[in-house]
Protein backbone atom coordinates (compact mmCIF):
# COMPACT_ATOMS: atom_id res chain seq x y z
CA GLN A 1 12.96 -102.06 -12.71
CA VAL A 2 10.38 -104.22 -10.64
CA GLN A 3 6.89 -103.97 -9.88
CA LEU A 4 5.26 -105.24 -6.66
CA LEU A 5 1.46 -105.84 -6.19
CA GLU A 6 0.28 -106.71 -2.65
CA SER A 7 -2.55 -108.53 -1.75
CA GLY A 8 -4.54 -110.22 1.42
CA GLY A 9 -5.41 -106.64 2.90
CA GLY A 10 -9.50 -105.98 5.21
CA LEU A 11 -11.54 -105.85 8.16
CA VAL A 12 -11.12 -108.40 10.58
CA GLN A 13 -11.52 -108.60 14.71
CA ALA A 14 -9.56 -108.67 17.27
CA GLY A 15 -7.57 -112.01 17.92
CA GLY A 16 -8.10 -112.65 14.12
CA SER A 17 -5.50 -113.47 11.41
CA LEU A 18 -4.67 -112.25 7.99
CA ARG A 19 -1.79 -113.09 5.61
CA LEU A 20 -0.70 -110.55 3.07
CA SER A 21 1.25 -111.47 -0.45
CA CYS A 22 3.47 -109.26 -2.35
CA SER A 23 3.77 -110.49 -5.73
CA ALA A 24 6.66 -109.53 -8.00
CA SER A 25 7.56 -108.91 -11.71
CA GLY A 26 9.84 -107.55 -13.58
CA ARG A 27 13.55 -108.11 -12.67
CA ILE A 28 12.89 -110.42 -9.98
CA TYR A 29 16.56 -112.50 -9.97
CA THR A 30 17.90 -108.98 -8.77
CA ILE A 31 15.53 -108.72 -5.67
CA ASN A 32 18.10 -109.15 -2.72
CA GLY A 33 15.99 -107.93 0.57
CA ARG A 34 12.38 -108.09 1.01
CA ARG A 35 10.34 -106.29 3.54
CA TRP A 36 6.99 -105.32 4.64
CA TYR A 37 6.49 -101.87 6.25
CA ARG A 38 3.00 -100.51 7.80
CA GLN A 39 2.07 -96.79 8.31
CA THR A 40 -0.72 -95.33 9.81
CA PRO A 41 -1.71 -91.35 9.60
CA GLY A 42 0.35 -89.15 11.59
CA LYS A 43 2.83 -91.44 12.56
CA GLN A 44 6.41 -92.80 10.85
CA ARG A 45 6.37 -95.41 8.52
CA GLU A 46 7.28 -98.82 10.46
CA LEU A 47 9.27 -101.86 9.10
CA VAL A 48 7.42 -104.52 10.22
CA ALA A 49 9.53 -107.66 8.94
CA GLU A 50 12.52 -108.24 7.01
CA ILE A 51 14.06 -111.53 4.96
CA SER A 52 17.40 -110.86 3.35
CA ARG A 53 18.85 -112.43 0.29
CA GLY A 54 20.14 -115.28 2.53
CA VAL A 55 16.41 -116.25 4.29
CA THR A 56 17.56 -114.33 7.51
CA THR A 57 14.35 -112.49 9.28
CA THR A 58 14.19 -110.66 11.89
CA TYR A 59 10.65 -108.26 13.62
CA ALA A 60 9.95 -105.74 14.93
CA ASP A 61 9.22 -106.27 18.80
CA SER A 62 5.52 -105.19 18.70
CA VAL A 63 4.52 -108.03 15.62
CA LYS A 64 6.91 -110.65 17.34
CA GLY A 65 5.49 -114.14 18.08
CA ARG A 66 2.61 -113.27 15.94
CA PHE A 67 3.66 -112.39 12.26
CA THR A 68 5.73 -114.51 10.16
CA LEU A 69 7.37 -113.26 6.70
CA SER A 70 7.88 -116.07 4.66
CA ARG A 71 9.55 -115.91 1.37
CA ASP A 72 6.95 -118.67 -0.79
CA ASN A 73 8.98 -118.50 -4.10
CA VAL A 74 11.23 -115.81 -6.21
CA GLN A 75 8.25 -113.84 -7.09
CA LYS A 76 6.10 -113.90 -4.49
CA PHE A 77 6.11 -113.27 -0.26
CA SER A 78 3.61 -113.35 2.36
CA LEU A 79 3.49 -111.87 5.79
CA GLU A 80 1.22 -114.29 8.07
CA MET A 81 -1.00 -112.42 10.76
CA ASN A 82 -2.06 -113.89 13.67
CA ASN A 83 -3.89 -112.82 16.90
CA LEU A 84 -4.12 -109.03 15.58
CA LYS A 85 -4.41 -106.11 17.53
CA PRO A 86 -6.38 -102.85 16.69
CA GLU A 87 -3.02 -101.50 17.08
CA ASP A 88 -2.09 -103.24 14.27
CA THR A 89 -3.94 -101.33 11.49
CA ALA A 90 -2.41 -99.56 9.02
CA VAL A 91 -1.32 -99.50 5.37
CA TYR A 92 0.61 -102.65 4.79
CA SER A 93 3.29 -102.15 1.76
CA CYS A 94 5.95 -104.52 0.62
CA ASN A 95 9.14 -103.21 -0.53
CA VAL A 96 11.97 -104.63 -1.79
CA ASP A 97 16.03 -103.79 -3.39
CA VAL A 98 17.75 -105.23 -6.19
CA ILE A 99 21.32 -106.41 -5.99
CA ASP A 100 22.88 -104.10 -8.23
CA THR A 101 21.49 -100.81 -8.54
CA PHE A 102 20.43 -101.24 -4.42
CA GLN A 103 17.20 -99.16 -6.00
CA ASP A 104 14.41 -99.81 -3.50
CA TYR A 105 10.80 -100.78 -5.02
CA TRP A 106 7.43 -100.20 -3.33
CA GLY A 107 3.56 -101.69 -3.25
CA GLN A 108 0.62 -99.43 -3.56
CA GLY A 109 -0.14 -100.54 0.64
CA THR A 110 -3.29 -102.56 1.41
CA GLN A 111 -5.26 -101.48 4.13
CA VAL A 112 -5.66 -103.99 7.57
CA THR A 113 -7.87 -102.69 9.90
CA VAL A 114 -8.40 -104.24 13.16
CA SER A 115 -11.78 -104.35 14.71
CA THR A 116 -12.28 -104.62 18.77
């Protein structure tokens, strides 16, 4: 199994920045893709950014040019969020899948609130 723990959420004014981190433990060397999702009440969960095992990174159109996903090391990956907008307000969760069972693992989520 893989356990994930997010940190770095909070309240920020529009135009500000936050950095979210996801720390993994357990079978970390089986991790394949690393992702950040976000969700607001009443809306479908949105894939914000993803980095594959081969370091290819993709972003949702809504965050391109503002958010950067980085793989800090085998245990940790981060989401740098700049020029935040009120519509970025959501619960952000990290997610990974593993190369042998293809099972998904989720963190508990961290709240990001962007005020006007």
